[in-house]
Amino acid sequence: MKREKIMLKTINDVKSFVNTVAKYDFDVDLLSGRYAVDAKSIMGIFSLDLSKEIEMEIHSDDCADFLNEIKPFIIR
């Protein structure tokens, strides 16, 4: 399992992020405060406070390609 912090600033960011996550077989969760949603659910993501950074939990150890694709959203 791997954790990263991400920021989704626009509706297009959310759509692009969900489309990218949907291509992979492993589960990805987004955590914001006490809420956790499936990263493949666009409705779930819109229920989060997108003005703040979101913690992403990737349930796979083989996720280098995925992390490379979503690099624009990762906060370092």
PDB file of N, CA and C in Angstrom:
ATOM      1  N   MET A   1       0.851  -1.180   0.000  1.00  0.00           N
ATOM      2  CA  MET A   1       0.000   0.000   0.000  1.00  0.00           C
ATOM      3  C   MET A   1       0.893   1.239   0.000  1.00  0.00           C
ATOM      4  N   LYS A   2       0.463   2.256  -0.718  1.00  0.00           N
ATOM      5  CA  LYS A   2       1.209   3.500  -0.825  1.00  0.00           C
ATOM      6  C   LYS A   2       0.259   4.660  -0.596  1.00  0.00           C
ATOM      7  N   ARG A   3       0.780   5.714   0.007  1.00  0.00           N
ATOM      8  CA  ARG A   3      -0.020   6.923   0.252  1.00  0.00           C
ATOM      9  C   ARG A   3       0.641   8.140  -0.388  1.00  0.00           C
ATOM     10  N   GLU A   4      -0.184   8.982  -0.955  1.00  0.00           N
ATOM     11  CA  GLU A   4       0.268  10.254  -1.536  1.00  0.00           C
ATOM     12  C   GLU A   4      -0.791  11.305  -1.248  1.00  0.00           C
ATOM     13  N   LYS A   5      -0.380  12.554  -1.251  1.00  0.00           N
ATOM     14  CA  LYS A   5      -1.324  13.662  -1.122  1.00  0.00           C
ATOM     15  C   LYS A   5      -1.543  14.244  -2.512  1.00  0.00           C
ATOM     16  N   ILE A   6      -2.813  14.492  -2.839  1.00  0.00           N
ATOM     17  CA  ILE A   6      -3.144  15.046  -4.154  1.00  0.00           C
ATOM     18  C   ILE A   6      -4.031  16.270  -3.999  1.00  0.00           C
ATOM     19  N   MET A   7      -4.145  17.017  -5.091  1.00  0.00           N
ATOM     20  CA  MET A   7      -5.029  18.175  -5.146  1.00  0.00           C
ATOM     21  C   MET A   7      -5.761  18.130  -6.474  1.00  0.00           C
ATOM     22  N   LEU A   8      -7.085  18.194  -6.421  1.00  0.00           N
ATOM     23  CA  LEU A   8      -7.930  18.221  -7.620  1.00  0.00           C
ATOM     24  C   LEU A   8      -8.627  19.577  -7.637  1.00  0.00           C
ATOM     25  N   LYS A   9      -8.138  20.489  -8.481  1.00  0.00           N
ATOM     26  CA  LYS A   9      -8.583  21.883  -8.426  1.00  0.00           C
ATOM     27  C   LYS A   9      -9.797  22.203  -9.288  1.00  0.00           C
ATOM     28  N   THR A  10      -9.975  21.450 -10.383  1.00  0.00           N
ATOM     29  CA  THR A  10     -11.067  21.771 -11.302  1.00  0.00           C
ATOM     30  C   THR A  10     -11.898  20.525 -11.610  1.00  0.00           C
ATOM     31  N   ILE A  11     -13.035  20.747 -12.223  1.00  0.00           N
ATOM     32  CA  ILE A  11     -13.881  19.630 -12.654  1.00  0.00           C
ATOM     33  C   ILE A  11     -13.132  18.761 -13.659  1.00  0.00           C
ATOM     34  N   ASN A  12     -12.379  19.387 -14.554  1.00  0.00           N
ATOM     35  CA  ASN A  12     -11.607  18.618 -15.535  1.00  0.00           C
ATOM     36  C   ASN A  12     -10.515  17.788 -14.862  1.00  0.00           C
ATOM     37  N   ASP A  13      -9.920  18.304 -13.779  1.00  0.00           N
ATOM     38  CA  ASP A  13      -8.942  17.520 -13.011  1.00  0.00           C
ATOM     39  C   ASP A  13      -9.594  16.261 -12.462  1.00  0.00           C
ATOM     40  N   VAL A  14     -10.791  16.407 -11.914  1.00  0.00           N
ATOM     41  CA  VAL A  14     -11.504  15.259 -11.334  1.00  0.00           C
ATOM     42  C   VAL A  14     -11.813  14.236 -12.426  1.00  0.00           C
ATOM     43  N   LYS A  15     -12.322  14.688 -13.567  1.00  0.00           N
ATOM     44  CA  LYS A  15     -12.654  13.773 -14.664  1.00  0.00           C
ATOM     45  C   LYS A  15     -11.414  13.046 -15.165  1.00  0.00           C
ATOM     46  N   SER A  16     -10.325  13.761 -15.345  1.00  0.00           N
ATOM     47  CA  SER A  16      -9.085  13.170 -15.815  1.00  0.00           C
ATOM     48  C   SER A  16      -8.544  12.161 -14.804  1.00  0.00           C
ATOM     49  N   PHE A  17      -8.603  12.518 -13.529  1.00  0.00           N
ATOM     50  CA  PHE A  17      -8.125  11.637 -12.466  1.00  0.00           C
ATOM     51  C   PHE A  17      -8.944  10.342 -12.427  1.00  0.00           C
ATOM     52  N   VAL A  18     -10.264  10.452 -12.457  1.00  0.00           N
ATOM     53  CA  VAL A  18     -11.134   9.268 -12.409  1.00  0.00           C
ATOM     54  C   VAL A  18     -10.906   8.382 -13.630  1.00  0.00           C
ATOM     55  N   ASN A  19     -10.755   8.971 -14.805  1.00  0.00           N
ATOM     56  CA  ASN A  19     -10.491   8.184 -16.012  1.00  0.00           C
ATOM     57  C   ASN A  19      -9.171   7.431 -15.908  1.00  0.00           C
ATOM     58  N   THR A  20      -8.174   8.051 -15.313  1.00  0.00           N
ATOM     59  CA  THR A  20      -6.876   7.395 -15.140  1.00  0.00           C
ATOM     60  C   THR A  20      -6.976   6.255 -14.132  1.00  0.00           C
ATOM     61  N   VAL A  21      -7.612   6.502 -12.991  1.00  0.00           N
ATOM     62  CA  VAL A  21      -7.744   5.471 -11.952  1.00  0.00           C
ATOM     63  C   VAL A  21      -8.532   4.276 -12.481  1.00  0.00           C
ATOM     64  N   ALA A  22      -9.542   4.533 -13.281  1.00  0.00           N
ATOM     65  CA  ALA A  22     -10.414   3.465 -13.790  1.00  0.00           C
ATOM     66  C   ALA A  22      -9.665   2.473 -14.684  1.00  0.00           C
ATOM     67  N   LYS A  23      -8.526   2.864 -15.235  1.00  0.00           N
ATOM     68  CA  LYS A  23      -7.753   1.980 -16.107  1.00  0.00           C
ATOM     69  C   LYS A  23      -7.011   0.891 -15.342  1.00  0.00           C
ATOM     70  N   TYR A  24      -6.916   1.039 -14.020  1.00  0.00           N
ATOM     71  CA  TYR A  24      -6.127   0.104 -13.219  1.00  0.00           C
ATOM     72  C   TYR A  24      -7.026  -0.817 -12.397  1.00  0.00           C
ATOM     73  N   ASP A  25      -6.542  -2.047 -12.179  1.00  0.00           N
ATOM     74  CA  ASP A  25      -7.333  -3.060 -11.478  1.00  0.00           C
ATOM     75  C   ASP A  25      -7.330  -2.921  -9.969  1.00  0.00           C
ATOM     76  N   PHE A  26      -6.306  -2.287  -9.412  1.00  0.00           N
ATOM     77  CA  PHE A  26      -6.229  -2.197  -7.950  1.00  0.00           C
ATOM     78  C   PHE A  26      -7.142  -1.088  -7.417  1.00  0.00           C
ATOM     79  N   ASP A  27      -7.426  -1.157  -6.119  1.00  0.00           N
ATOM     80  CA  ASP A  27      -8.299  -0.180  -5.475  1.00  0.00           C
ATOM     81  C   ASP A  27      -7.500   1.052  -5.065  1.00  0.00           C
ATOM     82  N   VAL A  28      -8.147   2.203  -5.193  1.00  0.00           N
ATOM     83  CA  VAL A  28      -7.573   3.470  -4.754  1.00  0.00           C
ATOM     84  C   VAL A  28      -8.660   4.185  -3.963  1.00  0.00           C
ATOM     85  N   ASP A  29      -8.336   4.604  -2.753  1.00  0.00           N
ATOM     86  CA  ASP A  29      -9.271   5.343  -1.907  1.00  0.00           C
ATOM     87  C   ASP A  29      -8.776   6.761  -1.718  1.00  0.00           C
ATOM     88  N   LEU A  30      -9.714   7.680  -1.551  1.00  0.00           N
ATOM     89  CA  LEU A  30      -9.386   9.061  -1.228  1.00  0.00           C
ATOM     90  C   LEU A  30      -9.923   9.361   0.160  1.00  0.00           C
ATOM     91  N   LEU A  31      -9.079   9.958   0.989  1.00  0.00           N
ATOM     92  CA  LEU A  31      -9.426  10.248   2.374  1.00  0.00           C
ATOM     93  C   LEU A  31      -9.361  11.749   2.606  1.00  0.00           C
ATOM     94  N   SER A  32     -10.428  12.284   3.167  1.00  0.00           N
ATOM     95  CA  SER A  32     -10.489  13.703   3.500  1.00  0.00           C
ATOM     96  C   SER A  32     -11.210  13.825   4.830  1.00  0.00           C
ATOM     97  N   GLY A  33     -10.465  14.193   5.857  1.00  0.00           N
ATOM     98  CA  GLY A  33     -11.055  14.235   7.192  1.00  0.00           C
ATOM     99  C   GLY A  33     -11.472  12.842   7.605  1.00  0.00           C
ATOM    100  N   ARG A  34     -12.721  12.689   7.966  1.00  0.00           N
ATOM    101  CA  ARG A  34     -13.197  11.358   8.372  1.00  0.00           C
ATOM    102  C   ARG A  34     -13.895  10.611   7.242  1.00  0.00           C
ATOM    103  N   TYR A  35     -13.870  11.168   6.041  1.00  0.00           N
ATOM    104  CA  TYR A  35     -14.524  10.544   4.893  1.00  0.00           C
ATOM    105  C   TYR A  35     -13.523   9.791   4.030  1.00  0.00           C
ATOM    106  N   ALA A  36     -13.954   8.638   3.534  1.00  0.00           N
ATOM    107  CA  ALA A  36     -13.162   7.848   2.585  1.00  0.00           C
ATOM    108  C   ALA A  36     -14.074   7.476   1.424  1.00  0.00           C
ATOM    109  N   VAL A  37     -13.595   7.714   0.199  1.00  0.00           N
ATOM    110  CA  VAL A  37     -14.399   7.378  -0.980  1.00  0.00           C
ATOM    111  C   VAL A  37     -13.537   6.612  -1.976  1.00  0.00           C
ATOM    112  N   ASP A  38     -14.198   5.864  -2.830  1.00  0.00           N
ATOM    113  CA  ASP A  38     -13.538   5.144  -3.907  1.00  0.00           C
ATOM    114  C   ASP A  38     -13.101   6.162  -4.963  1.00  0.00           C
ATOM    115  N   ALA A  39     -11.821   6.117  -5.339  1.00  0.00           N
ATOM    116  CA  ALA A  39     -11.295   7.086  -6.307  1.00  0.00           C
ATOM    117  C   ALA A  39     -11.846   6.873  -7.713  1.00  0.00           C
ATOM    118  N   LYS A  40     -12.537   5.759  -7.949  1.00  0.00           N
ATOM    119  CA  LYS A  40     -13.144   5.504  -9.254  1.00  0.00           C
ATOM    120  C   LYS A  40     -14.569   6.059  -9.332  1.00  0.00           C
ATOM    121  N   SER A  41     -15.027   6.672  -8.235  1.00  0.00           N
ATOM    122  CA  SER A  41     -16.379   7.222  -8.170  1.00  0.00           C
ATOM    123  C   SER A  41     -16.340   8.744  -8.283  1.00  0.00           C
ATOM    124  N   ILE A  42     -16.773   9.247  -9.415  1.00  0.00           N
ATOM    125  CA  ILE A  42     -16.765  10.697  -9.612  1.00  0.00           C
ATOM    126  C   ILE A  42     -17.714  11.391  -8.627  1.00  0.00           C
ATOM    127  N   MET A  43     -18.842  10.754  -8.342  1.00  0.00           N
ATOM    128  CA  MET A  43     -19.781  11.333  -7.365  1.00  0.00           C
ATOM    129  C   MET A  43     -19.167  11.332  -5.966  1.00  0.00           C
ATOM    130  N   GLY A  44     -18.457  10.277  -5.632  1.00  0.00           N
ATOM    131  CA  GLY A  44     -17.799  10.213  -4.335  1.00  0.00           C
ATOM    132  C   GLY A  44     -16.770  11.315  -4.175  1.00  0.00           C
ATOM    133  N   ILE A  45     -15.988  11.557  -5.220  1.00  0.00           N
ATOM    134  CA  ILE A  45     -14.966  12.606  -5.156  1.00  0.00           C
ATOM    135  C   ILE A  45     -15.608  13.973  -4.986  1.00  0.00           C
ATOM    136  N   PHE A  46     -16.711  14.221  -5.679  1.00  0.00           N
ATOM    137  CA  PHE A  46     -17.375  15.524  -5.551  1.00  0.00           C
ATOM    138  C   PHE A  46     -18.026  15.710  -4.183  1.00  0.00           C
ATOM    139  N   SER A  47     -18.133  14.649  -3.395  1.00  0.00           N
ATOM    140  CA  SER A  47     -18.664  14.802  -2.038  1.00  0.00           C
ATOM    141  C   SER A  47     -17.583  15.256  -1.056  1.00  0.00           C
ATOM    142  N   LEU A  48     -16.325  15.268  -1.509  1.00  0.00           N
ATOM    143  CA  LEU A  48     -15.211  15.696  -0.656  1.00  0.00           C
ATOM    144  C   LEU A  48     -14.997  17.201  -0.773  1.00  0.00           C
ATOM    145  N   ASP A  49     -14.276  17.756   0.184  1.00  0.00           N
ATOM    146  CA  ASP A  49     -13.905  19.171   0.145  1.00  0.00           C
ATOM    147  C   ASP A  49     -12.690  19.311  -0.766  1.00  0.00           C
ATOM    148  N   LEU A  50     -12.904  19.709  -2.010  1.00  0.00           N
ATOM    149  CA  LEU A  50     -11.832  19.781  -2.998  1.00  0.00           C
ATOM    150  C   LEU A  50     -10.970  21.029  -2.862  1.00  0.00           C
ATOM    151  N   SER A  51     -11.287  21.896  -1.907  1.00  0.00           N
ATOM    152  CA  SER A  51     -10.452  23.079  -1.678  1.00  0.00           C
ATOM    153  C   SER A  51      -9.231  22.731  -0.824  1.00  0.00           C
ATOM    154  N   LYS A  52      -9.214  21.518  -0.278  1.00  0.00           N
ATOM    155  CA  LYS A  52      -8.102  21.070   0.557  1.00  0.00           C
ATOM    156  C   LYS A  52      -7.414  19.888  -0.115  1.00  0.00           C
ATOM    157  N   GLU A  53      -6.178  19.627   0.322  1.00  0.00           N
ATOM    158  CA  GLU A  53      -5.484  18.456  -0.213  1.00  0.00           C
ATOM    159  C   GLU A  53      -6.173  17.187   0.270  1.00  0.00           C
ATOM    160  N   ILE A  54      -6.071  16.147  -0.538  1.00  0.00           N
ATOM    161  CA  ILE A  54      -6.735  14.877  -0.274  1.00  0.00           C
ATOM    162  C   ILE A  54      -5.661  13.798  -0.169  1.00  0.00           C
ATOM    163  N   GLU A  55      -5.810  12.919   0.797  1.00  0.00           N
ATOM    164  CA  GLU A  55      -4.872  11.811   0.916  1.00  0.00           C
ATOM    165  C   GLU A  55      -5.364  10.647   0.063  1.00  0.00           C
ATOM    166  N   MET A  56      -4.472  10.123  -0.752  1.00  0.00           N
ATOM    167  CA  MET A  56      -4.798   9.015  -1.633  1.00  0.00           C
ATOM    168  C   MET A  56      -4.112   7.758  -1.100  1.00  0.00           C
ATOM    169  N   GLU A  57      -4.864   6.684  -1.017  1.00  0.00           N
ATOM    170  CA  GLU A  57      -4.344   5.403  -0.533  1.00  0.00           C
ATOM    171  C   GLU A  57      -4.446   4.398  -1.675  1.00  0.00           C
ATOM    172  N   ILE A  58      -3.299   3.918  -2.141  1.00  0.00           N
ATOM    173  CA  ILE A  58      -3.250   2.975  -3.258  1.00  0.00           C
ATOM    174  C   ILE A  58      -3.039   1.578  -2.697  1.00  0.00           C
ATOM    175  N   HIS A  59      -3.931   0.673  -3.009  1.00  0.00           N
ATOM    176  CA  HIS A  59      -3.871  -0.692  -2.475  1.00  0.00           C
ATOM    177  C   HIS A  59      -3.139  -1.619  -3.450  1.00  0.00           C
ATOM    178  N   SER A  60      -1.885  -1.256  -3.726  1.00  0.00           N
ATOM    179  CA  SER A  60      -1.032  -2.056  -4.606  1.00  0.00           C
ATOM    180  C   SER A  60       0.406  -1.624  -4.385  1.00  0.00           C
ATOM    181  N   ASP A  61       1.320  -2.568  -4.521  1.00  0.00           N
ATOM    182  CA  ASP A  61       2.736  -2.215  -4.435  1.00  0.00           C
ATOM    183  C   ASP A  61       3.326  -1.982  -5.820  1.00  0.00           C
ATOM    184  N   ASP A  62       2.620  -2.411  -6.847  1.00  0.00           N
ATOM    185  CA  ASP A  62       3.074  -2.261  -8.228  1.00  0.00           C
ATOM    186  C   ASP A  62       2.282  -1.128  -8.894  1.00  0.00           C
ATOM    187  N   CYS A  63       2.580   0.099  -8.481  1.00  0.00           N
ATOM    188  CA  CYS A  63       1.769   1.229  -8.964  1.00  0.00           C
ATOM    189  C   CYS A  63       2.614   2.349  -9.570  1.00  0.00           C
ATOM    190  N   ALA A  64       3.831   2.053  -9.992  1.00  0.00           N
ATOM    191  CA  ALA A  64       4.718   3.083 -10.538  1.00  0.00           C
ATOM    192  C   ALA A  64       4.126   3.745 -11.790  1.00  0.00           C
ATOM    193  N   ASP A  65       3.542   2.952 -12.690  1.00  0.00           N
ATOM    194  CA  ASP A  65       2.947   3.522 -13.906  1.00  0.00           C
ATOM    195  C   ASP A  65       1.782   4.446 -13.558  1.00  0.00           C
ATOM    196  N   PHE A  66       0.963   4.006 -12.611  1.00  0.00           N
ATOM    197  CA  PHE A  66      -0.172   4.815 -12.161  1.00  0.00           C
ATOM    198  C   PHE A  66       0.311   6.140 -11.574  1.00  0.00           C
ATOM    199  N   LEU A  67       1.297   6.077 -10.696  1.00  0.00           N
ATOM    200  CA  LEU A  67       1.819   7.294 -10.065  1.00  0.00           C
ATOM    201  C   LEU A  67       2.405   8.242 -11.105  1.00  0.00           C
ATOM    202  N   ASN A  68       3.011   7.685 -12.128  1.00  0.00           N
ATOM    203  CA  ASN A  68       3.572   8.506 -13.196  1.00  0.00           C
ATOM    204  C   ASN A  68       2.464   9.231 -13.963  1.00  0.00           C
ATOM    205  N   GLU A  69       1.343   8.549 -14.185  1.00  0.00           N
ATOM    206  CA  GLU A  69       0.220   9.150 -14.923  1.00  0.00           C
ATOM    207  C   GLU A  69      -0.470  10.267 -14.147  1.00  0.00           C
ATOM    208  N   ILE A  70      -0.517  10.130 -12.820  1.00  0.00           N
ATOM    209  CA  ILE A  70      -1.234  11.137 -12.026  1.00  0.00           C
ATOM    210  C   ILE A  70      -0.282  12.149 -11.391  1.00  0.00           C
ATOM    211  N   LYS A  71       0.938  12.182 -11.845  1.00  0.00           N
ATOM    212  CA  LYS A  71       1.956  13.086 -11.301  1.00  0.00           C
ATOM    213  C   LYS A  71       1.502  14.546 -11.217  1.00  0.00           C
ATOM    214  N   PRO A  72       0.739  15.058 -12.194  1.00  0.00           N
ATOM    215  CA  PRO A  72       0.314  16.477 -12.092  1.00  0.00           C
ATOM    216  C   PRO A  72      -0.563  16.771 -10.863  1.00  0.00           C
ATOM    217  N   PHE A  73      -1.187  15.765 -10.285  1.00  0.00           N
ATOM    218  CA  PHE A  73      -2.084  15.976  -9.154  1.00  0.00           C
ATOM    219  C   PHE A  73      -1.396  15.780  -7.806  1.00  0.00           C
ATOM    220  N   ILE A  74      -0.203  15.185  -7.799  1.00  0.00           N
ATOM    221  CA  ILE A  74       0.494  14.879  -6.544  1.00  0.00           C
ATOM    222  C   ILE A  74       1.146  16.126  -5.977  1.00  0.00           C
ATOM    223  N   ILE A  75       0.992  16.292  -4.669  1.00  0.00           N
ATOM    224  CA  ILE A  75       1.600  17.405  -3.952  1.00  0.00           C
ATOM    225  C   ILE A  75       2.843  16.877  -3.263  1.00  0.00           C
ATOM    226  N   ARG A  76       3.944  17.528  -3.435  1.00  0.00           N
ATOM    227  CA  ARG A  76       5.200  17.122  -2.759  1.00  0.00           C
ATOM    228  C   ARG A  76       5.556  18.095  -1.688  1.00  0.00           C
TER     229      ARG A  76
END
